[in-house]
Amino acid sequence: MIIDKTINIQINKGKVVAKTQSIPGKTASTLTVDQFNKLTKGMTFDQAVSILGPDYQESSLKRSANGVRRVVMWMRPDTTNITVALQDDKVTDVFNFLK
């Protein structure tokens, strides 16, 4: 079995300012629409983890003068997922890609 792994790192003046990754990682077989519906904009990352569980993958991270922007995914083995966008560890958007 071949597993594709990709990590991209953007550096500005010797400092990491952004990274993206595509690495098969942890999956959560119990993700539900009910869990998705409990997510709200403005909640903290820790609150999202308490709803969705600790098995997440960080798909991007970008640091700028405006703060830290992250995109985190909770994925089922069939690759359907719930994706959460955060700004400074506060939820800004949630996306339901469950079947």
Protein backbone atom coordinates (compact mmCIF):
# COMPACT_ATOMS: atom_id res chain seq x y z
CA MET A 1 0.00 0.00 0.00
CA ILE A 2 1.31 3.44 -0.95
CA ILE A 3 0.48 6.33 1.35
CA ASP A 4 1.06 9.84 0.01
CA LYS A 5 2.43 12.29 2.53
CA THR A 6 2.93 15.97 1.81
CA ILE A 7 4.08 18.75 4.11
CA ASN A 8 4.54 22.32 2.85
CA ILE A 9 6.20 24.93 5.05
CA GLN A 10 6.33 28.64 4.22
CA ILE A 11 9.17 30.60 5.80
CA ASN A 12 9.52 34.38 5.89
CA LYS A 13 12.71 35.95 7.27
CA GLY A 14 13.75 32.68 8.90
CA LYS A 15 10.42 32.10 10.67
CA VAL A 16 7.69 29.61 9.83
CA VAL A 17 4.60 31.59 8.85
CA ALA A 18 2.42 28.83 7.36
CA LYS A 19 2.26 25.09 6.98
CA THR A 20 -0.08 22.67 5.29
CA GLN A 21 -0.04 18.92 5.44
CA SER A 22 -1.68 15.99 3.82
CA ILE A 23 -0.80 13.00 5.94
CA PRO A 24 -3.10 10.08 6.67
CA GLY A 25 -3.56 10.18 10.40
CA LYS A 26 -5.96 9.53 13.20
CA THR A 27 -9.56 8.74 12.37
CA ALA A 28 -12.70 8.76 14.49
CA SER A 29 -15.36 6.26 13.47
CA THR A 30 -18.03 7.79 15.70
CA LEU A 31 -18.44 11.25 14.18
CA THR A 32 -22.10 12.23 13.91
CA VAL A 33 -24.21 15.07 12.58
CA ASP A 34 -25.39 15.58 16.19
CA GLN A 35 -21.79 16.34 17.19
CA PHE A 36 -21.46 18.74 14.26
CA ASN A 37 -24.66 20.54 15.33
CA LYS A 38 -23.15 21.18 18.79
CA LEU A 39 -20.31 23.22 17.31
CA THR A 40 -20.76 26.99 17.37
CA LYS A 41 -18.75 29.92 16.11
CA GLY A 42 -16.80 31.57 18.91
CA MET A 43 -16.27 28.43 20.97
CA THR A 44 -12.69 27.53 21.87
CA PHE A 45 -10.63 24.80 20.25
CA ASP A 46 -10.71 22.88 23.55
CA GLN A 47 -14.52 23.01 23.53
CA ALA A 48 -14.57 21.62 19.97
CA VAL A 49 -12.21 18.82 21.06
CA SER A 50 -14.51 18.03 23.99
CA ILE A 51 -17.38 17.52 21.51
CA LEU A 52 -15.53 15.75 18.67
CA GLY A 53 -12.76 13.95 20.55
CA PRO A 54 -8.96 14.07 20.56
CA ASP A 55 -8.42 12.29 17.22
CA TYR A 56 -7.99 15.24 14.86
CA GLN A 57 -5.59 16.26 12.11
CA GLU A 58 -4.32 19.78 11.68
CA SER A 59 -4.46 20.47 7.96
CA SER A 60 -3.12 24.02 7.97
CA LEU A 61 -1.57 26.61 10.23
CA LYS A 62 -0.77 30.21 9.30
CA ARG A 63 0.78 32.84 11.53
CA SER A 64 0.53 36.50 10.57
CA ALA A 65 0.25 39.93 12.11
CA ASN A 66 -3.49 39.21 12.37
CA GLY A 67 -2.91 36.16 14.60
CA VAL A 68 -2.93 32.40 14.09
CA ARG A 69 -5.30 30.76 11.60
CA ARG A 70 -5.76 26.96 11.75
CA VAL A 71 -7.88 24.40 9.94
CA VAL A 72 -8.44 21.14 11.80
CA MET A 73 -10.26 17.99 10.62
CA TRP A 74 -11.91 15.10 12.42
CA MET A 75 -12.02 12.29 9.87
CA ARG A 76 -13.80 8.97 9.63
CA PRO A 77 -11.97 5.99 8.08
CA ASP A 78 -14.02 6.54 4.88
CA THR A 79 -12.50 10.08 4.67
CA THR A 80 -15.78 11.89 5.35
CA ASN A 81 -15.07 14.54 7.96
CA ILE A 82 -15.95 17.54 10.06
CA THR A 83 -13.63 20.48 9.43
CA VAL A 84 -13.20 23.40 11.83
CA ALA A 85 -11.52 26.72 11.00
CA LEU A 86 -10.08 28.71 13.90
CA GLN A 87 -8.65 32.16 14.43
CA ASP A 88 -6.53 32.44 17.58
CA ASP A 89 -8.08 29.18 18.89
CA LYS A 90 -11.67 30.41 18.45
CA VAL A 91 -13.97 28.65 15.98
CA THR A 92 -14.78 30.84 12.98
CA ASP A 93 -16.35 28.26 10.65
CA VAL A 94 -17.48 24.63 10.73
CA PHE A 95 -18.02 22.35 7.76
CA ASN A 96 -19.92 19.05 7.65
CA PHE A 97 -18.52 16.63 5.07
CA LEU A 98 -20.17 13.55 6.59
CA LYS A 99 -22.23 11.30 4.32
